[in-house]
Protein backbone atom coordinates (compact mmCIF):
# COMPACT_ATOMS: atom_id res chain seq x y z
CA MET A 1 -34.48 -6.22 -26.87
CA ILE A 2 -34.74 -3.44 -29.48
CA GLY A 3 -37.29 -5.50 -31.39
CA ASP A 4 -39.55 -5.49 -28.34
CA LEU A 5 -39.94 -1.71 -28.70
CA TRP A 6 -42.02 -2.16 -31.81
CA VAL A 7 -44.41 -4.92 -30.67
CA GLN A 8 -48.14 -4.46 -30.03
CA ASP A 9 -47.92 -5.97 -26.53
CA ALA A 10 -47.82 -2.82 -24.39
CA GLU A 11 -46.29 -4.55 -21.37
CA ARG A 12 -43.44 -6.08 -23.34
CA ARG A 13 -42.90 -2.80 -25.19
CA GLY A 14 -42.86 -0.89 -21.89
CA VAL A 15 -40.23 -3.16 -20.33
CA ALA A 16 -37.99 -2.76 -23.38
CA TYR A 17 -38.61 1.00 -23.49
CA ARG A 18 -37.60 1.56 -19.87
CA ALA A 19 -34.54 -0.69 -20.13
CA LEU A 20 -33.22 0.75 -23.39
CA LEU A 21 -33.87 4.36 -22.42
CA ALA A 22 -31.97 3.85 -19.16
CA GLU A 23 -29.13 2.03 -20.91
CA SER A 24 -28.84 4.65 -23.65
CA GLU A 25 -28.34 7.48 -21.19
CA GLN A 26 -24.70 6.45 -21.55
CA PRO A 27 -22.91 5.66 -24.82
CA VAL A 28 -23.90 2.21 -26.10
CA SER A 29 -22.02 -0.03 -28.50
CA TRP A 30 -25.19 -0.94 -30.38
CA ALA A 31 -26.21 2.62 -31.36
CA GLY A 32 -24.99 2.35 -34.95
CA GLU A 33 -26.66 -1.01 -35.43
CA VAL A 34 -30.13 0.23 -34.45
CA TRP A 35 -30.01 3.87 -35.61
CA ASP A 36 -31.71 3.39 -38.99
CA ASP A 37 -34.37 1.14 -37.46
CA VAL A 38 -35.15 3.75 -34.80
CA VAL A 39 -35.37 6.52 -37.42
CA ALA A 40 -37.69 4.36 -39.54
CA HIS A 41 -40.06 4.00 -36.59
CA LEU A 42 -40.46 7.77 -36.28
CA GLY A 43 -43.10 7.37 -38.99
CA ASP A 44 -44.83 4.32 -37.51
CA HIS A 45 -48.64 4.21 -37.54
CA ASP A 46 -48.66 3.70 -33.72
CA ASN A 47 -48.15 6.93 -31.78
CA HIS A 48 -46.58 5.03 -28.86
CA VAL A 49 -43.93 3.65 -31.18
CA ARG A 50 -43.28 7.12 -32.67
CA SER A 51 -42.82 8.53 -29.18
CA ILE A 52 -40.47 5.73 -28.14
CA ALA A 53 -38.44 6.10 -31.34
CA ALA A 54 -38.11 9.87 -30.84
CA GLN A 55 -36.96 9.55 -27.24
CA LEU A 56 -34.51 6.76 -28.00
CA LEU A 57 -33.10 8.62 -31.01
CA CYS A 58 -32.46 11.68 -28.85
CA ASN A 59 -30.64 9.50 -26.32
CA LEU A 60 -28.52 7.91 -29.04
CA ALA A 61 -27.80 11.30 -30.64
CA ALA A 62 -26.53 12.65 -27.31
CA HIS A 63 -23.48 10.40 -27.61
CA ASP A 64 -22.98 10.52 -31.36
CA THR A 65 -20.18 13.00 -31.95
CA SER A 66 -20.15 12.26 -35.70
CA GLY A 67 -23.28 14.39 -36.17
CA ARG A 68 -25.37 11.64 -37.70
CA ILE A 69 -28.54 13.27 -36.35
CA LEU A 70 -27.96 16.37 -38.46
CA GLY A 71 -29.90 16.39 -41.72
CA ASP A 72 -32.72 14.06 -42.71
CA ASP A 73 -32.83 12.22 -39.38
CA LEU A 74 -33.34 15.49 -37.51
CA GLU A 75 -36.09 16.47 -39.95
CA ALA A 76 -37.84 13.15 -39.32
CA LEU A 77 -37.53 13.71 -35.58
CA LEU A 78 -38.94 17.23 -35.86
CA THR A 79 -41.98 15.85 -37.65
CA VAL A 80 -42.78 13.90 -34.47
CA THR A 81 -42.67 17.17 -32.49
CA LYS A 82 -45.72 18.16 -34.53
CA ASP A 83 -47.48 14.82 -34.14
CA PRO A 84 -51.29 14.82 -34.32
CA ARG A 85 -51.30 13.05 -30.95
CA PHE A 86 -50.15 15.91 -28.74
CA VAL A 87 -48.80 13.65 -25.99
CA THR A 88 -46.47 12.10 -28.58
CA ALA A 89 -45.33 15.55 -29.70
CA ARG A 90 -44.63 16.57 -26.10
CA HIS A 91 -42.56 13.49 -25.33
CA SER A 92 -40.40 14.19 -28.37
CA LEU A 93 -40.12 17.92 -27.60
CA ARG A 94 -38.97 17.22 -24.07
CA SER A 95 -36.23 14.90 -25.33
CA LEU A 96 -34.69 17.25 -27.90
CA TRP A 97 -32.22 18.77 -25.45
CA ARG A 98 -30.18 15.58 -25.41
CA ILE A 99 -29.05 16.23 -29.00
CA GLY A 100 -27.18 19.28 -27.73
CA LEU A 101 -25.03 17.12 -25.46
CA ALA A 102 -23.16 15.63 -28.42
CA GLY A 103 -21.11 18.75 -29.15
CA GLY A 104 -21.04 22.38 -30.16
CA VAL A 105 -22.13 21.85 -33.76
CA GLN A 106 -25.13 19.77 -32.74
CA ARG A 107 -25.99 22.29 -30.03
CA ARG A 108 -25.91 25.23 -32.47
CA VAL A 109 -28.10 23.37 -34.96
CA LEU A 110 -30.46 22.41 -32.14
CA LEU A 111 -30.77 26.04 -31.01
CA ASP A 112 -31.70 27.05 -34.56
CA VAL A 113 -34.21 24.20 -34.79
CA ILE A 114 -35.78 25.06 -31.44
CA THR A 115 -36.00 28.73 -32.42
CA GLN A 116 -37.80 27.82 -35.64
CA ARG A 117 -40.06 25.34 -33.83
CA TYR A 118 -40.92 28.05 -31.29
CA GLN A 119 -41.88 30.48 -34.07
CA ASP A 120 -43.94 27.83 -35.86
CA SER A 121 -45.87 27.06 -32.68
CA PHE A 122 -47.77 30.35 -32.76
CA ALA A 123 -50.07 28.90 -35.43
CA GLU A 124 -50.74 25.66 -33.51
CA LYS A 125 -53.65 24.65 -31.31
CA ASN A 126 -51.42 23.90 -28.29
CA GLY A 127 -48.79 26.52 -29.09
CA THR A 128 -48.39 27.85 -25.56
CA LEU A 129 -47.64 24.35 -24.25
CA VAL A 130 -45.18 23.74 -27.09
CA ARG A 131 -43.38 27.01 -26.31
CA SER A 132 -43.30 26.19 -22.61
CA ASP A 133 -41.82 22.76 -23.35
CA LEU A 134 -39.19 24.30 -25.62
CA VAL A 135 -38.14 26.87 -23.02
CA GLU A 136 -37.99 24.13 -20.39
CA THR A 137 -35.94 22.00 -22.79
CA LEU A 138 -33.47 24.84 -23.18
CA ARG A 139 -33.20 25.14 -19.42
CA THR A 140 -32.42 21.43 -19.12
CA LEU A 141 -29.78 21.74 -21.85
CA HIS A 142 -28.24 24.78 -20.16
CA ASP A 143 -28.11 22.98 -16.82
CA ALA A 144 -26.27 20.10 -18.50
CA THR A 145 -23.82 22.20 -20.56
CA SER A 146 -23.58 25.68 -18.98
CA ASP A 147 -23.51 27.04 -22.54
CA GLU A 148 -24.49 30.72 -22.40
CA ALA A 149 -25.72 30.57 -26.01
CA VAL A 150 -28.52 28.36 -24.72
CA ARG A 151 -29.51 30.96 -22.11
CA THR A 152 -29.34 33.72 -24.72
CA THR A 153 -31.61 31.77 -27.06
CA ALA A 154 -34.11 31.07 -24.28
CA THR A 155 -34.15 34.71 -23.21
CA ALA A 156 -34.81 35.82 -26.78
CA LEU A 157 -37.62 33.30 -27.20
CA ILE A 158 -39.26 34.32 -23.95
CA ALA A 159 -39.05 37.98 -24.99
CA ALA A 160 -40.73 37.09 -28.31
CA GLU A 161 -43.85 35.85 -26.50
CA PRO A 162 -46.52 38.52 -27.10
CA ASP A 163 -48.66 37.60 -24.08
CA GLU A 164 -47.26 38.89 -20.79
CA LYS A 165 -48.94 36.07 -18.84
CA TYR A 166 -47.05 33.44 -20.83
CA ARG A 167 -43.78 35.43 -20.81
CA ARG A 168 -43.89 35.28 -17.01
CA LYS A 169 -44.78 31.58 -17.08
CA TYR A 170 -41.91 30.70 -19.44
CA ALA A 171 -39.47 32.84 -17.47
CA ARG A 172 -40.18 30.72 -14.37
CA HIS A 173 -38.22 27.90 -15.99
CA TRP A 174 -35.13 30.10 -15.70
CA ARG A 175 -35.38 31.13 -12.06
């Protein structure tokens, strides 16, 4: 079914996407077999495929305690969070939190990555939406892990927002 994720037929791709995303919310035996293929599709010419690859990789990384996501694979994933097609970037941003489920090391690296991504977003066209997605992502991660370092990071990022209107908006994710 993994091969169906990369086909041009949107219906077939959608069926495979929904099935594999649901299945990969739990550890799957096939993660190691498909990992490199999924990473390779982060750079696909089709933005739908890039989005699917990013979301699936985050799901797979959530259960990979070996830390395979750390390094080049994470860099490739972060590139998709800056995708020219903003909807693709948002789908990948909203999936990042799953990486932090794999363990403390992955969570600490993810917090650093999110902090840097937040800072980088000030120079972007849709920066306020990116920052909102990142703060919401941190809330989702905190809800799943109860890690106070996640809350501390989110609080610091919200405080770094220069516009009071957006500080209030981002803070709503934490009420």
